[in-house]
Amino acid sequence: MEETKQTDTNSVAENKISKKKIALEDGSNRQKVTPVKNLDKAHAKKVSIFTRLNIRLSVKERLLFAKYLSVLLGSGLTLDESIKVLKKGTKGPMKKILETLDVELQQGHTLADGLSHFPHIFSQVFINLLRAGESSGTLNSNLEYLSVQMQKQYELKKSIQGAMMYPAIILTGGLAVTVLIIVFILPNIVDLFSSLNAEIPTTTKILIWISYFFQTYPIKIIIGSLALFLAFVAIIKIHFTRSIIDKIILTVPIVGTIIKNATLARIFRLFGTLLKSGMPMEKAIIITQSVVSNAAYSKMLLDLKAGVTEGHNLTDVLDKYPKLVPEIAKRLILVGSETATLPQNLLYMAEFYEQEVSEASKQISVLIEPILIIFMGILVAFLAFSVLSPIYGVVSSI
């Protein structure tokens, strides 16, 4: 009897110990959402201000570097030989970078280690893709994926900038003419109006007051404008306010749609490229999240990483964000996950949304043009009436 009780006691104790062990193992296996700031922290290099100012590359130069290196590796040259060939035909900052890479490779380091000396030029996406390629023996393929990704991102950015160029020029020209009239022309004719006791319209009085304010307090205006700008920058850097601003921007008609489609295109393009290169899904999500500027989409990707870590499907998490990800995109992701074609489906959606942004950018340019014409017409009419009306009154009274 005593032996039976002792056996039962031992079994209960063993069960408790095993349960605690399972709980501990379960807790240890759970991964927390990795902060993006800590990504590849071990490989990060400190860069001096002198290097940041003197060694800089444009997006196009980085794109050409990836393309040329991919072509050379594809032709059968080794990595060391390819870097030496590129170094011979290069000048300026790119030559200094290639010299550093050459030295790093000779010392037995990887290409990614060499590029990590220039984190202000090569992003974590760039470096991690090459590091994954070097580890898996697919460096040439990853360079090709990277070239395509950078090319598409470059074209998308250029299309948006091109659409905004005309409105920006018109607005800048209109403001420049207004400031010229208020600061330099109007003060010269104010004394004339005062000496002739001419009746001054309300619009002219407003311009005179603005002109007086600019001439009397120029330093205060400059300091105040700078203070407002710095305050605005500081406010939008606060996570809470940035989240609110980003959510509001996404609800703005036309502009919000363009930003949403551009963000989705960037996410799908990069995520698909990383998965196609052989990178694990969790790390691919973290890297993708690191390049997304919109706070709403950034939070979505962090939740996506946590969901994948816990064993959920991608669409299970994306269903929580119906306003950020369209239903058709979620269906294609679901099909891709079930048929092992997720990278291809993501890249297909990236192409689709890039085309949507390109077409919307052209449309917004067409829509803004008549609005700008009306605005400039009203501005010119206001300035002409404010300046010419009192002059006409003076002439007619003589």
Protein backbone atom coordinates (compact mmCIF):
# COMPACT_ATOMS: atom_id res chain seq x y z
CA MET A 1 0.00 0.00 0.00
CA GLU A 2 2.77 2.36 0.94
CA GLU A 3 4.62 1.41 -2.25
CA THR A 4 1.51 2.23 -4.31
CA LYS A 5 1.17 5.64 -2.66
CA GLN A 6 4.84 6.35 -3.20
CA THR A 7 4.53 5.32 -6.86
CA ASP A 8 1.52 7.65 -7.31
CA THR A 9 3.39 10.48 -5.63
CA ASN A 10 6.39 9.96 -7.88
CA SER A 11 4.24 9.88 -11.00
CA VAL A 12 2.47 13.12 -10.00
CA ALA A 13 5.83 14.77 -9.37
CA GLU A 14 7.14 13.56 -12.71
CA ASN A 15 4.03 14.91 -14.47
CA LYS A 16 4.49 18.31 -12.84
CA ILE A 17 8.14 18.41 -13.81
CA SER A 18 7.37 17.38 -17.40
CA LYS A 19 4.63 20.04 -17.66
CA LYS A 20 7.03 22.71 -16.39
CA LYS A 21 9.66 21.50 -18.84
CA ILE A 22 7.20 21.65 -21.75
CA ALA A 23 6.10 25.13 -20.70
CA LEU A 24 9.69 26.31 -20.51
CA GLU A 25 10.50 24.80 -23.89
CA ASP A 26 7.38 26.37 -25.38
CA GLY A 27 8.32 29.76 -23.95
CA SER A 28 11.88 29.47 -25.19
CA ASN A 29 10.70 28.52 -28.68
CA ARG A 30 8.53 31.59 -29.00
CA GLN A 31 10.31 34.32 -30.84
CA LYS A 32 9.65 37.95 -30.16
CA VAL A 33 9.24 40.48 -32.93
CA THR A 34 12.77 41.49 -33.79
CA PRO A 35 13.22 45.27 -33.80
CA VAL A 36 14.36 46.45 -37.18
CA LYS A 37 17.01 48.65 -35.63
CA ASN A 38 18.83 45.55 -34.38
CA LEU A 39 18.89 43.89 -37.81
CA ASP A 40 22.41 42.79 -38.64
CA LYS A 41 23.76 44.88 -35.80
CA ALA A 42 26.84 42.69 -35.60
CA HIS A 43 27.74 43.55 -39.19
CA ALA A 44 27.11 47.31 -38.89
CA LYS A 45 30.10 49.58 -39.31
CA LYS A 46 30.51 53.10 -38.01
CA VAL A 47 31.01 55.61 -40.79
CA SER A 48 32.85 58.88 -40.29
CA ILE A 49 31.34 62.19 -41.38
CA PHE A 50 34.19 62.61 -43.88
CA THR A 51 33.30 59.29 -45.54
CA ARG A 52 29.60 60.14 -45.62
CA LEU A 53 30.30 63.45 -47.35
CA ASN A 54 32.94 62.25 -49.80
CA ILE A 55 31.75 58.78 -50.74
CA ARG A 56 28.20 58.86 -52.04
CA LEU A 57 26.42 57.05 -54.86
CA SER A 58 23.18 57.78 -56.65
CA VAL A 59 20.46 55.15 -57.06
CA LYS A 60 21.44 54.77 -60.70
CA GLU A 61 25.10 54.13 -59.80
CA ARG A 62 24.12 51.45 -57.30
CA LEU A 63 21.85 49.89 -59.89
CA LEU A 64 24.63 49.81 -62.48
CA PHE A 65 27.03 48.30 -59.95
CA ALA A 66 24.63 45.42 -59.29
CA LYS A 67 23.98 44.92 -63.03
CA TYR A 68 27.62 44.98 -64.09
CA LEU A 69 28.71 42.66 -61.29
CA SER A 70 25.93 40.24 -62.21
CA VAL A 71 27.00 40.25 -65.88
CA LEU A 72 30.65 39.64 -65.00
CA LEU A 73 29.83 36.77 -62.64
CA GLY A 74 27.50 35.30 -65.24
CA SER A 75 30.32 35.36 -67.80
CA GLY A 76 32.33 32.96 -65.65
CA LEU A 77 34.65 35.32 -63.79
CA THR A 78 35.24 34.85 -60.09
CA LEU A 79 34.11 37.50 -57.60
CA ASP A 80 37.69 38.73 -57.06
CA GLU A 81 38.27 39.04 -60.81
CA SER A 82 34.94 40.80 -61.34
CA ILE A 83 35.74 43.43 -58.71
CA LYS A 84 39.17 44.02 -60.28
CA VAL A 85 37.60 44.46 -63.75
CA LEU A 86 35.06 46.95 -62.40
CA LYS A 87 37.78 48.83 -60.54
CA LYS A 88 39.82 49.39 -63.72
CA GLY A 89 37.01 51.18 -65.54
CA THR A 90 35.68 53.22 -62.64
CA LYS A 91 36.48 56.64 -61.21
CA GLY A 92 35.40 58.74 -58.24
CA PRO A 93 33.59 57.39 -55.15
CA MET A 94 32.76 54.08 -56.82
CA LYS A 95 36.48 53.36 -57.30
CA LYS A 96 37.12 53.89 -53.57
CA ILE A 97 34.33 51.47 -52.74
CA LEU A 98 35.68 48.87 -55.16
CA GLU A 99 39.17 49.24 -53.70
CA THR A 100 37.74 48.55 -50.24
CA LEU A 101 35.88 45.50 -51.56
CA ASP A 102 39.06 44.23 -53.23
CA VAL A 103 40.99 44.47 -49.96
CA GLU A 104 38.17 42.78 -48.01
CA LEU A 105 38.00 39.87 -50.45
CA GLN A 106 41.78 39.40 -50.35
CA GLN A 107 41.58 39.19 -46.56
CA GLY A 108 39.04 36.39 -46.82
CA HIS A 109 35.93 38.42 -46.02
CA THR A 110 32.68 38.28 -47.97
CA LEU A 111 31.29 40.84 -50.41
CA ALA A 112 28.53 41.67 -47.93
CA ASP A 113 31.14 42.35 -45.24
CA GLY A 114 32.90 44.77 -47.60
CA LEU A 115 29.69 46.58 -48.48
CA SER A 116 28.79 46.90 -44.79
CA HIS A 117 31.61 49.48 -44.54
CA PHE A 118 29.26 51.82 -46.44
CA PRO A 119 25.84 51.51 -44.72
CA HIS A 120 24.99 55.07 -45.80
CA ILE A 121 25.16 53.89 -49.44
CA PHE A 122 24.08 50.25 -49.42
CA SER A 123 20.91 49.46 -47.52
CA GLN A 124 20.35 46.43 -45.31
CA VAL A 125 18.21 45.00 -48.12
CA PHE A 126 21.14 45.21 -50.52
CA ILE A 127 23.65 43.73 -48.06
CA ASN A 128 21.37 40.96 -46.77
CA LEU A 129 20.46 39.81 -50.28
CA LEU A 130 24.13 39.50 -51.20
CA ARG A 131 24.96 37.79 -47.90
CA ALA A 132 22.20 35.25 -48.52
CA GLY A 133 23.47 34.72 -52.07
CA GLU A 134 27.03 34.15 -50.90
CA SER A 135 25.87 31.66 -48.26
CA SER A 136 23.69 29.66 -50.67
CA GLY A 137 25.88 29.95 -53.78
CA THR A 138 23.29 32.04 -55.63
CA LEU A 139 25.09 35.39 -55.63
CA ASN A 140 24.66 35.93 -59.36
CA SER A 141 20.92 35.20 -59.20
CA ASN A 142 20.47 37.46 -56.19
CA LEU A 143 22.29 40.28 -57.97
CA GLU A 144 19.87 39.89 -60.87
CA TYR A 145 16.87 39.96 -58.49
CA LEU A 146 18.33 43.01 -56.78
CA SER A 147 18.89 44.79 -60.10
CA VAL A 148 15.29 44.22 -61.16
CA GLN A 149 13.98 45.32 -57.76
CA MET A 150 16.06 48.52 -57.80
CA GLN A 151 15.13 49.24 -61.43
CA LYS A 152 11.41 48.94 -60.72
CA GLN A 153 11.71 51.05 -57.58
CA TYR A 154 13.69 53.68 -59.49
CA GLU A 155 11.10 53.81 -62.30
CA LEU A 156 8.24 54.05 -59.80
CA LYS A 157 9.91 56.94 -57.97
CA LYS A 158 10.64 58.73 -61.25
CA SER A 159 7.05 58.39 -62.45
CA ILE A 160 5.73 59.98 -59.24
CA GLN A 161 8.35 62.74 -59.35
CA GLY A 162 7.56 63.40 -63.01
CA ALA A 163 3.87 63.78 -62.25
CA MET A 164 4.59 66.26 -59.45
CA MET A 165 7.18 68.28 -61.39
CA TYR A 166 4.77 70.47 -63.38
CA PRO A 167 2.57 71.45 -60.39
CA ALA A 168 5.69 72.18 -58.32
CA ILE A 169 7.14 74.49 -61.00
CA ILE A 170 3.86 76.37 -61.42
CA LEU A 171 3.38 76.86 -57.67
CA THR A 172 7.01 77.92 -57.16
CA GLY A 173 6.77 80.42 -60.01
CA GLY A 174 3.52 81.85 -58.69
CA LEU A 175 4.88 82.27 -55.18
CA ALA A 176 8.10 83.82 -56.49
CA VAL A 177 6.17 86.43 -58.51
CA THR A 178 3.95 87.20 -55.51
CA VAL A 179 6.94 87.73 -53.19
CA LEU A 180 8.67 89.87 -55.85
CA ILE A 181 5.66 92.17 -56.14
CA ILE A 182 5.04 92.40 -52.38
CA VAL A 183 8.66 92.94 -51.30
CA PHE A 184 10.18 94.96 -54.15
CA ILE A 185 7.49 96.57 -56.35
CA LEU A 186 4.69 97.49 -53.97
CA PRO A 187 6.83 99.48 -51.46
CA ASN A 188 7.95 101.81 -54.29
CA ILE A 189 4.41 102.86 -55.15
CA VAL A 190 3.04 103.08 -51.59
CA ASP A 191 4.62 106.53 -51.08
CA LEU A 192 2.99 107.67 -54.32
CA PHE A 193 -0.46 106.63 -53.08
CA SER A 194 0.11 108.40 -49.74
CA SER A 195 1.32 111.68 -51.31
CA LEU A 196 -1.69 111.89 -53.64
CA ASN A 197 -4.17 110.92 -50.91
CA ALA A 198 -5.55 108.28 -53.24
CA GLU A 199 -8.24 105.90 -52.04
CA ILE A 200 -6.65 102.48 -51.55
CA PRO A 201 -8.76 99.32 -52.05
CA THR A 202 -8.92 96.67 -49.35
CA THR A 203 -6.92 94.18 -51.41
CA THR A 204 -4.11 96.71 -51.80
CA LYS A 205 -4.16 97.43 -48.06
CA ILE A 206 -3.71 93.72 -47.40
CA LEU A 207 -0.70 93.59 -49.72
CA ILE A 208 0.76 96.74 -48.15
CA TRP A 209 0.40 95.23 -44.67
CA ILE A 210 2.11 92.00 -45.81
CA SER A 211 4.88 94.04 -47.47
CA TYR A 212 5.38 96.11 -44.31
CA PHE A 213 5.50 92.96 -42.18
CA PHE A 214 8.15 91.36 -44.44
CA GLN A 215 10.30 94.51 -44.46
CA THR A 216 9.99 95.23 -40.73
CA TYR A 217 10.46 91.74 -39.31
CA PRO A 218 12.54 89.75 -41.85
CA ILE A 219 14.72 88.05 -39.20
CA LYS A 220 11.72 87.13 -37.05
CA ILE A 221 9.94 85.69 -40.08
CA ILE A 222 12.97 83.56 -41.00
CA ILE A 223 13.47 82.35 -37.42
CA GLY A 224 9.75 81.70 -36.99
CA SER A 225 9.53 79.76 -40.26
CA LEU A 226 12.57 77.70 -39.32
CA ALA A 227 11.15 77.03 -35.85
CA LEU A 228 7.82 75.91 -37.33
CA PHE A 229 9.61 73.62 -39.79
CA LEU A 230 11.75 72.03 -37.05
CA ALA A 231 8.70 71.66 -34.81
CA PHE A 232 6.81 69.94 -37.64
CA VAL A 233 9.73 67.58 -38.29
CA ALA A 234 9.99 66.78 -34.56
CA ILE A 235 6.24 66.12 -34.32
CA ILE A 236 6.08 63.75 -37.28
CA LYS A 237 9.02 61.78 -35.87
CA ILE A 238 7.01 60.96 -32.75
CA HIS A 239 5.59 57.47 -33.25
CA PHE A 240 2.09 58.37 -32.02
CA THR A 241 1.66 61.44 -34.22
CA ARG A 242 3.34 59.75 -37.19
CA SER A 243 0.85 56.89 -36.98
CA ILE A 244 -2.08 59.32 -36.98
CA ILE A 245 -0.68 61.36 -39.90
CA ASP A 246 0.02 58.24 -41.96
CA LYS A 247 -3.52 56.93 -41.39
CA ILE A 248 -5.01 60.29 -42.39
CA ILE A 249 -2.88 60.45 -45.56
CA LEU A 250 -4.17 57.04 -46.66
CA THR A 251 -7.77 58.35 -46.50
CA VAL A 252 -7.11 61.39 -48.72
CA PRO A 253 -8.82 60.93 -52.13
CA ILE A 254 -6.50 60.14 -55.08
CA VAL A 255 -3.31 60.90 -53.11
CA GLY A 256 -4.11 58.24 -50.52
CA THR A 257 -4.77 55.66 -53.24
CA ILE A 258 -1.44 56.44 -54.93
CA ILE A 259 0.47 56.15 -51.64
CA LYS A 260 -1.32 52.90 -50.78
CA ASN A 261 -0.59 51.33 -54.18
CA ALA A 262 3.03 52.56 -54.15
CA THR A 263 3.55 51.08 -50.67
CA LEU A 264 1.98 47.75 -51.67
CA ALA A 265 4.12 47.66 -54.82
CA ARG A 266 7.26 48.22 -52.78
CA ILE A 267 6.30 45.62 -50.16
CA PHE A 268 5.36 42.94 -52.70
CA ARG A 269 8.39 43.62 -54.91
CA LEU A 270 10.89 43.41 -52.05
CA PHE A 271 9.17 40.57 -50.19
CA GLY A 272 8.92 38.51 -53.38
CA THR A 273 12.53 39.21 -54.31
CA LEU A 274 13.79 38.16 -50.87
CA LEU A 275 11.78 34.95 -50.87
CA LYS A 276 12.88 34.15 -54.41
CA SER A 277 16.50 34.54 -53.33
CA GLY A 278 15.99 31.79 -50.75
CA MET A 279 15.76 33.95 -47.64
CA PRO A 280 13.61 32.61 -44.74
CA MET A 281 10.17 34.16 -44.57
CA GLU A 282 10.55 35.71 -41.11
CA LYS A 283 13.78 37.49 -42.00
CA ALA A 284 12.31 38.59 -45.34
CA ILE A 285 9.38 40.19 -43.50
CA ILE A 286 11.71 42.00 -41.09
CA ILE A 287 13.84 43.41 -43.93
CA THR A 288 10.73 44.43 -45.87
CA GLN A 289 9.36 46.19 -42.80
CA SER A 290 12.62 48.12 -42.41
CA VAL A 291 12.15 49.94 -45.74
CA VAL A 292 8.45 50.80 -45.31
CA SER A 293 7.96 54.40 -44.21
CA ASN A 294 4.19 54.35 -43.61
CA ALA A 295 3.51 53.55 -39.94
CA ALA A 296 0.27 51.66 -40.66
CA TYR A 297 1.94 49.24 -43.08
CA SER A 298 4.98 48.95 -40.82
CA LYS A 299 2.77 47.80 -37.93
CA MET A 300 1.01 45.36 -40.26
CA LEU A 301 4.33 43.77 -41.23
CA LEU A 302 5.42 43.47 -37.59
CA ASP A 303 2.16 41.68 -36.82
CA LEU A 304 2.70 39.53 -39.90
CA LYS A 305 6.12 38.46 -38.63
CA ALA A 306 4.69 37.64 -35.20
CA GLY A 307 1.86 35.66 -36.80
CA VAL A 308 4.24 33.64 -38.99
CA THR A 309 6.41 32.91 -35.94
CA GLU A 310 3.35 31.55 -34.13
CA GLY A 311 2.49 29.32 -37.10
CA HIS A 312 -0.37 31.31 -38.66
CA ASN A 313 -0.90 31.75 -42.38
CA LEU A 314 -0.08 35.10 -43.99
CA THR A 315 -3.72 35.70 -44.90
CA ASP A 316 -4.85 35.06 -41.31
CA VAL A 317 -2.92 38.15 -40.24
CA LEU A 318 -3.70 40.23 -43.35
CA ASP A 319 -7.44 39.69 -42.77
CA LYS A 320 -7.08 42.04 -39.79
CA TYR A 321 -6.10 44.87 -42.18
CA PRO A 322 -8.86 45.03 -44.83
CA LYS A 323 -8.23 48.73 -45.51
CA LEU A 324 -4.51 48.22 -46.18
CA VAL A 325 -4.49 45.06 -48.31
CA PRO A 326 -7.17 44.50 -51.00
CA GLU A 327 -9.07 41.21 -51.08
CA ILE A 328 -7.65 40.19 -54.46
CA ALA A 329 -4.10 40.54 -53.10
CA LYS A 330 -4.93 38.34 -50.11
CA ARG A 331 -6.39 35.69 -52.41
CA LEU A 332 -3.26 35.61 -54.56
CA ILE A 333 -1.10 35.33 -51.42
CA LEU A 334 -3.26 32.45 -50.16
CA VAL A 335 -3.02 30.65 -53.51
CA GLY A 336 0.74 31.26 -53.62
CA SER A 337 1.18 29.87 -50.11
CA GLU A 338 -0.79 26.73 -50.94
CA THR A 339 0.86 26.08 -54.33
CA ALA A 340 4.45 27.08 -53.43
CA THR A 341 4.30 30.01 -55.89
CA LEU A 342 4.26 32.83 -53.33
CA PRO A 343 7.35 34.70 -54.66
CA GLN A 344 5.98 34.67 -58.22
CA ASN A 345 2.54 35.86 -57.07
CA LEU A 346 4.08 38.65 -54.99
CA LEU A 347 6.17 39.87 -57.94
CA TYR A 348 3.10 39.70 -60.19
CA MET A 349 1.16 41.89 -57.76
CA ALA A 350 4.11 44.27 -57.54
CA GLU A 351 3.97 44.70 -61.35
CA PHE A 352 0.22 45.32 -61.14
CA TYR A 353 0.41 47.98 -58.44
CA GLU A 354 3.40 49.68 -60.06
CA GLN A 355 1.34 50.02 -63.22
CA GLU A 356 -1.57 51.38 -61.17
CA VAL A 357 0.69 54.03 -59.62
CA SER A 358 2.10 55.01 -63.01
CA GLU A 359 -1.37 55.47 -64.51
CA ALA A 360 -2.67 57.30 -61.42
CA SER A 361 0.33 59.65 -61.50
CA LYS A 362 -0.48 60.61 -65.08
CA GLN A 363 -4.14 61.12 -64.20
CA ILE A 364 -3.37 63.30 -61.18
CA SER A 365 -1.16 65.48 -63.36
CA VAL A 366 -4.05 65.95 -65.78
CA LEU A 367 -6.48 66.68 -62.93
CA ILE A 368 -4.18 69.16 -61.19
CA GLU A 369 -3.45 71.18 -64.35
CA PRO A 370 -6.86 72.93 -64.62
CA ILE A 371 -6.91 73.53 -60.86
CA LEU A 372 -3.49 75.19 -61.08
CA ILE A 373 -4.60 77.31 -64.02
CA ILE A 374 -7.62 78.53 -62.06
CA PHE A 375 -5.47 79.18 -58.97
CA MET A 376 -2.87 81.12 -60.96
CA GLY A 377 -5.62 83.08 -62.70
CA ILE A 378 -7.12 84.12 -59.36
CA LEU A 379 -3.68 85.02 -57.99
CA VAL A 380 -2.75 87.13 -61.03
CA ALA A 381 -6.16 88.86 -60.98
CA PHE A 382 -5.79 89.64 -57.26
CA LEU A 383 -2.28 91.08 -57.71
CA ALA A 384 -3.23 93.04 -60.83
CA PHE A 385 -6.31 94.54 -59.19
CA SER A 386 -4.42 95.37 -55.98
CA VAL A 387 -1.58 97.17 -57.83
CA LEU A 388 -3.31 98.66 -60.87
CA SER A 389 -6.61 99.72 -59.27
CA PRO A 390 -5.15 102.54 -57.11
CA ILE A 391 -2.90 103.63 -59.99
CA TYR A 392 -5.94 103.89 -62.27
CA GLY A 393 -7.76 105.86 -59.56
CA VAL A 394 -4.87 108.32 -59.28
CA VAL A 395 -4.64 108.79 -63.07
CA SER A 396 -8.37 109.30 -63.48
CA SER A 397 -8.44 111.93 -60.70
CA ILE A 398 -5.79 114.10 -62.39
